[in-house]
Protein backbone atom coordinates (compact mmCIF):
# COMPACT_ATOMS: atom_id res chain seq x y z
CA MET A 1 20.66 27.32 -34.39
CA PRO A 2 17.52 26.13 -32.56
CA ALA A 3 17.55 26.07 -28.80
CA ALA A 4 18.31 22.72 -27.21
CA ILE A 5 15.23 20.70 -26.31
CA THR A 6 16.81 18.63 -23.56
CA PRO A 7 16.72 20.57 -20.26
CA LYS A 8 20.06 21.20 -18.64
CA LEU A 9 20.57 19.34 -15.41
CA ASP A 10 22.71 20.42 -12.52
CA PRO A 11 24.43 17.18 -11.51
CA GLY A 12 24.99 18.64 -8.07
CA SER A 13 21.29 18.99 -7.30
CA ALA A 14 19.09 17.40 -9.97
CA PHE A 15 19.37 13.92 -8.50
CA PHE A 16 19.93 14.82 -4.85
CA GLY A 17 17.40 13.38 -2.44
CA LEU A 18 15.33 11.54 -5.02
CA GLN A 19 14.97 8.58 -2.67
CA ARG A 20 14.77 10.47 0.62
CA LEU A 21 11.56 11.16 2.54
CA ASP A 22 12.99 13.45 5.19
CA GLY A 23 10.29 15.31 7.09
CA LYS A 24 7.42 13.72 5.17
CA VAL A 25 4.48 12.43 7.19
CA ALA A 26 3.48 8.93 6.15
CA TYR A 27 0.27 7.27 7.33
CA VAL A 28 0.33 3.46 7.06
CA PRO A 29 -3.13 2.06 7.85
CA GLY A 30 -2.72 -1.67 8.17
CA GLY A 31 0.81 -1.06 9.40
CA THR A 32 0.35 -3.61 12.17
CA GLY A 33 0.38 -6.52 9.68
CA GLY A 34 3.56 -8.26 8.61
CA LEU A 35 3.80 -6.39 5.32
CA GLY A 36 2.66 -3.06 6.75
CA GLU A 37 5.23 -3.24 9.53
CA ALA A 38 8.06 -3.82 7.04
CA ILE A 39 6.85 -0.88 4.95
CA SER A 40 6.66 1.33 8.06
CA TRP A 41 10.30 0.54 8.83
CA GLY A 42 11.36 1.20 5.26
CA LEU A 43 9.68 4.61 5.19
CA ALA A 44 11.12 5.54 8.58
CA GLU A 45 14.64 4.54 7.51
CA SER A 46 14.26 6.99 4.61
CA GLY A 47 13.46 9.85 6.98
CA ALA A 48 9.66 9.83 7.07
CA ARG A 49 7.64 10.44 10.20
CA VAL A 50 5.45 7.35 10.33
CA VAL A 51 2.02 6.79 11.83
CA VAL A 52 1.14 3.11 12.12
CA GLY A 53 -2.60 2.44 11.94
CA GLY A 54 -4.38 -0.70 13.03
CA VAL A 55 -7.36 -2.14 14.85
CA GLU A 56 -5.25 -3.47 17.76
CA ALA A 57 -3.96 -0.71 20.04
CA ASP A 58 -1.12 -2.76 21.51
CA LYS A 59 0.29 -3.72 18.12
CA ALA A 60 0.22 -0.16 16.78
CA ALA A 61 1.79 1.18 19.97
CA ASN A 62 4.49 -1.49 20.08
CA ILE A 63 5.58 -0.99 16.47
CA ALA A 64 5.67 2.79 16.94
CA ALA A 65 7.70 2.34 20.13
CA ALA A 66 10.17 0.06 18.33
CA LEU A 67 10.59 2.67 15.58
CA ARG A 68 11.20 5.40 18.16
CA ALA A 69 13.72 3.21 19.96
CA HIS A 70 15.75 3.21 16.74
CA GLY A 71 15.67 6.99 16.52
CA HIS A 72 12.68 7.41 14.23
CA ASP A 73 9.71 9.73 14.67
CA ALA A 74 6.67 7.48 14.91
CA ALA A 75 3.25 7.12 16.49
CA GLY A 76 0.38 4.68 16.47
CA VAL A 77 -3.31 5.25 15.82
CA VAL A 78 -6.19 2.83 16.37
CA PHE A 79 -9.07 2.68 13.91
CA ASP A 80 -11.71 0.39 12.46
CA ALA A 81 -11.25 0.03 8.70
CA SER A 82 -14.87 -1.02 8.29
CA SER A 83 -16.09 2.37 9.54
CA VAL A 84 -15.91 5.37 7.20
CA LYS A 85 -16.31 7.67 10.19
CA ASP A 86 -13.41 6.01 12.00
CA ILE A 87 -11.25 6.16 8.87
CA GLY A 88 -11.79 9.91 8.76
CA ARG A 89 -11.06 10.22 12.46
CA SER A 90 -7.76 8.37 12.05
CA VAL A 91 -6.64 10.68 9.24
CA ASP A 92 -7.60 13.70 11.35
CA ALA A 93 -5.52 12.25 14.19
CA VAL A 94 -2.47 11.95 11.91
CA CYS A 95 -2.87 15.53 10.70
CA ASP A 96 -3.48 16.86 14.21
CA LEU A 97 -0.32 15.15 15.44
CA TYR A 98 2.06 16.17 12.64
CA GLY A 99 0.30 19.10 10.99
CA GLY A 100 -0.61 17.22 7.81
CA CYS A 101 -0.20 14.01 5.85
CA ASP A 102 2.10 13.79 2.82
CA ILE A 103 1.98 10.05 2.13
CA LEU A 104 -0.71 7.40 2.40
CA VAL A 105 0.31 3.75 2.13
CA ASN A 106 -2.86 1.68 2.39
CA CYS A 107 -1.92 -1.77 3.67
CA VAL A 108 -5.40 -2.63 4.94
CA GLY A 109 -6.63 -6.00 3.78
CA ILE A 110 -8.17 -9.30 4.79
CA PHE A 111 -8.51 -12.70 3.14
CA ARG A 112 -11.46 -15.08 3.30
CA GLU A 113 -11.57 -18.19 1.16
CA GLU A 114 -14.91 -19.63 0.07
CA ALA A 115 -15.62 -21.69 -3.04
CA LEU A 116 -17.85 -19.90 -5.55
CA LEU A 117 -20.81 -22.19 -4.87
CA ASP A 118 -20.49 -21.53 -1.13
CA VAL A 119 -19.79 -17.79 -0.98
CA THR A 120 -22.01 -16.06 1.56
CA GLU A 121 -23.20 -12.48 1.34
CA ALA A 122 -21.76 -11.72 4.76
CA THR A 123 -18.26 -12.87 3.83
CA TYR A 124 -18.32 -11.15 0.45
CA ASP A 125 -19.49 -7.86 2.00
CA GLN A 126 -16.82 -8.09 4.71
CA VAL A 127 -13.98 -8.58 2.23
CA LEU A 128 -15.12 -5.76 -0.04
CA ALA A 129 -15.66 -3.44 2.92
CA ILE A 130 -12.07 -3.85 4.10
CA ASN A 131 -10.17 -4.41 0.86
CA LEU A 132 -12.01 -1.95 -1.39
CA LYS A 133 -14.32 0.40 0.47
CA ALA A 134 -11.68 1.26 3.07
CA GLY A 135 -9.22 2.09 0.29
CA MET A 136 -11.78 4.43 -1.25
CA PHE A 137 -12.39 6.39 1.92
CA LEU A 138 -8.80 6.38 3.16
CA GLY A 139 -7.84 7.93 -0.17
CA GLN A 140 -10.69 10.42 0.08
CA ALA A 141 -9.91 11.46 3.66
CA VAL A 142 -6.21 11.98 3.00
CA ALA A 143 -6.85 13.73 -0.33
CA ARG A 144 -9.30 16.15 1.28
CA ARG A 145 -6.65 17.24 3.78
CA GLN A 146 -3.95 17.44 1.10
CA VAL A 147 -6.09 19.46 -1.33
CA ALA A 148 -7.20 21.83 1.42
CA SER A 149 -3.61 22.52 2.47
CA GLY A 150 -2.11 22.52 -1.03
CA VAL A 151 0.14 19.56 -0.27
CA PHE A 152 1.50 17.57 -3.22
CA GLY A 153 0.97 14.06 -1.92
CA LYS A 154 1.58 10.42 -2.69
CA HIS A 155 -0.96 7.60 -2.27
CA VAL A 156 0.07 3.96 -2.58
CA HIS A 157 -2.40 1.08 -2.29
CA LEU A 158 -1.36 -2.53 -1.72
CA LEU A 159 -3.10 -4.74 -4.24
CA SER A 160 -2.24 -8.27 -5.34
CA VAL A 161 -1.49 -10.14 -8.53
CA ARG A 162 -5.05 -11.37 -7.98
CA SER A 163 -6.23 -7.94 -9.11
CA ALA A 164 -5.45 -9.20 -12.62
CA LEU A 165 -5.32 -12.99 -12.32
CA GLY A 166 -7.80 -15.55 -11.09
CA LEU A 167 -6.60 -18.66 -9.22
CA ARG A 168 -7.58 -22.18 -10.15
CA GLY A 169 -8.77 -24.56 -7.46
CA LYS A 170 -9.31 -21.94 -4.75
CA GLY A 171 -12.29 -19.92 -3.57
CA TYR A 172 -10.97 -16.44 -4.30
CA SER A 173 -14.09 -14.70 -5.65
CA ALA A 174 -14.30 -12.11 -2.89
CA TYR A 175 -10.57 -11.48 -2.68
CA CYS A 176 -9.95 -11.20 -6.44
CA SER A 177 -12.91 -8.92 -7.07
CA SER A 178 -11.94 -6.66 -4.16
CA LYS A 179 -8.37 -6.29 -5.42
CA GLY A 180 -9.52 -5.85 -9.01
CA GLY A 181 -11.80 -3.06 -7.85
CA LEU A 182 -8.90 -1.47 -5.97
CA LEU A 183 -6.86 -1.47 -9.18
CA MET A 184 -9.53 0.63 -10.89
CA LEU A 185 -9.79 2.82 -7.81
CA VAL A 186 -6.07 3.59 -8.16
CA ARG A 187 -6.57 4.66 -11.78
CA GLN A 188 -9.64 6.76 -11.04
CA HIS A 189 -8.15 8.47 -8.00
CA ALA A 190 -4.99 9.18 -10.00
CA SER A 191 -7.07 10.77 -12.74
CA GLU A 192 -9.07 12.97 -10.38
CA LEU A 193 -6.22 13.99 -8.09
CA ALA A 194 -3.58 14.73 -10.74
CA PRO A 195 -4.64 18.40 -11.06
CA HIS A 196 -3.87 18.76 -7.36
CA GLY A 197 -0.37 17.30 -7.69
CA ILE A 198 -1.29 14.08 -5.90
CA ASN A 199 0.09 10.82 -7.32
CA VAL A 200 -1.82 7.58 -6.80
CA ASN A 201 -0.26 4.19 -7.56
CA GLY A 202 -0.49 0.56 -6.54
CA VAL A 203 1.90 -2.23 -5.66
CA ALA A 204 0.66 -5.74 -6.41
CA PRO A 205 2.65 -8.58 -4.86
CA THR A 206 2.30 -12.30 -5.28
CA PHE A 207 2.12 -14.39 -2.09
CA VAL A 208 4.26 -12.69 0.59
CA LEU A 209 5.64 -14.56 3.59
CA THR A 210 3.29 -13.15 6.24
CA GLU A 211 0.59 -14.61 8.47
CA MET A 212 -2.01 -13.93 5.79
CA ILE A 213 -0.69 -16.76 3.62
CA GLY A 214 -0.74 -19.41 6.32
CA HIS A 215 -3.25 -21.32 4.22
CA VAL A 216 -0.64 -21.58 1.46
CA LEU A 217 2.12 -22.83 3.73
CA GLN A 218 -0.21 -25.42 5.24
CA ASP A 219 -0.77 -27.00 1.82
CA PRO A 220 2.62 -28.25 0.52
CA GLU A 221 1.20 -29.27 -2.86
CA PHE A 222 -0.39 -25.87 -3.44
CA GLN A 223 2.78 -24.13 -2.27
CA ARG A 224 4.89 -26.13 -4.73
CA ASP A 225 2.43 -25.33 -7.51
CA VAL A 226 2.55 -21.58 -6.75
CA ILE A 227 6.35 -21.47 -6.54
CA GLY A 228 6.57 -23.54 -9.71
CA ARG A 229 4.71 -20.80 -11.61
CA ILE A 230 6.94 -17.98 -10.31
CA PRO A 231 9.99 -17.61 -12.61
CA LEU A 232 12.24 -16.46 -9.77
CA GLY A 233 11.32 -19.64 -7.93
CA ARG A 234 10.25 -18.41 -4.50
CA LEU A 235 7.56 -16.58 -2.57
CA ALA A 236 8.05 -12.90 -1.79
CA HIS A 237 9.67 -11.63 1.41
CA PRO A 238 8.16 -8.50 3.01
CA LYS A 239 11.36 -6.56 2.24
CA ASP A 240 10.81 -7.29 -1.48
CA ILE A 241 7.74 -5.04 -1.34
CA VAL A 242 9.32 -2.19 0.60
CA GLY A 243 11.48 -0.88 -2.27
CA PRO A 244 8.65 -0.56 -4.82
CA VAL A 245 6.42 1.15 -2.24
CA HIS A 246 9.24 3.52 -1.31
CA PHE A 247 9.77 4.39 -4.98
CA PHE A 248 6.14 5.47 -5.40
CA CYS A 249 6.37 7.57 -2.22
CA SER A 250 9.54 9.38 -3.29
CA LYS A 251 10.37 12.24 -5.65
CA ALA A 252 11.74 9.62 -8.04
CA ALA A 253 8.09 8.85 -8.92
CA ASP A 254 6.89 12.44 -9.35
CA PHE A 255 5.85 11.74 -12.96
CA VAL A 256 4.31 8.34 -12.27
CA THR A 257 0.61 8.07 -11.42
CA GLY A 258 -2.23 5.65 -12.06
CA GLN A 259 0.18 2.73 -12.33
CA VAL A 260 0.33 -0.70 -10.72
CA LEU A 261 3.69 -2.38 -10.22
CA TYR A 262 3.50 -6.16 -10.04
CA VAL A 263 6.08 -7.40 -7.55
CA ASP A 264 5.63 -11.05 -8.35
CA GLY A 265 8.91 -12.70 -9.35
CA GLY A 266 7.76 -12.69 -12.97
CA LEU A 267 4.43 -14.45 -12.41
CA THR A 268 2.25 -12.10 -14.45
CA ALA A 269 4.82 -12.03 -17.27
CA CYS A 270 4.07 -15.63 -18.15
CA GLN A 271 0.46 -16.18 -17.10
């Protein structure tokens, strides 16, 4: 009789703690934004020690203080996402504070709208520097520390459905190309870091109810058009993104890398 192929599982331990992040150090650059703040809370509620990164010292400090007031271990770090040197310094600060970095959740991003015929070099360079270049060097800085210390880590980058879809009637050249580039960065980083036990994935939402989509809410016709193309019939709430990000950060996603999860109410299923 041949040996069984299916591994035996101990139901008492095989599934224990799959969703927990107890003791893990999570760095959330861009954690001062509406989406980043929600993700920081979600990670902290699962037991992670969270470092909130942002360009505004007061915002980072206030969010970290609020997390600590609820019994979580949290700190803030200030950095300039347009500076590779400062990105590296911020990662060093996280590792100096907590002895390492297990999880990177890159929430850094900006939006600038300019019609194709009017796009300026300055605006295009600014968007790519923050949305794409920063993701490259945040991933590199964290990976260097993880590889050096032998840590099996998790990287999650926040993309957008615009990494795969253009948008009619809007000047999204810079934004779409930056997010499309980040999608390929996820796949390449996943390929290179897999031998080191580091998983790299992306979460790509549709429009999320944060300050960044003020331009959508100010245009009722455009808002109706967007919602009309989303099968679930609404825009995303920040908490809708927290669960998918948490999944990629947890042991439940140990065999998932190089993937992008579209959190879009079904938009990309029918476009």
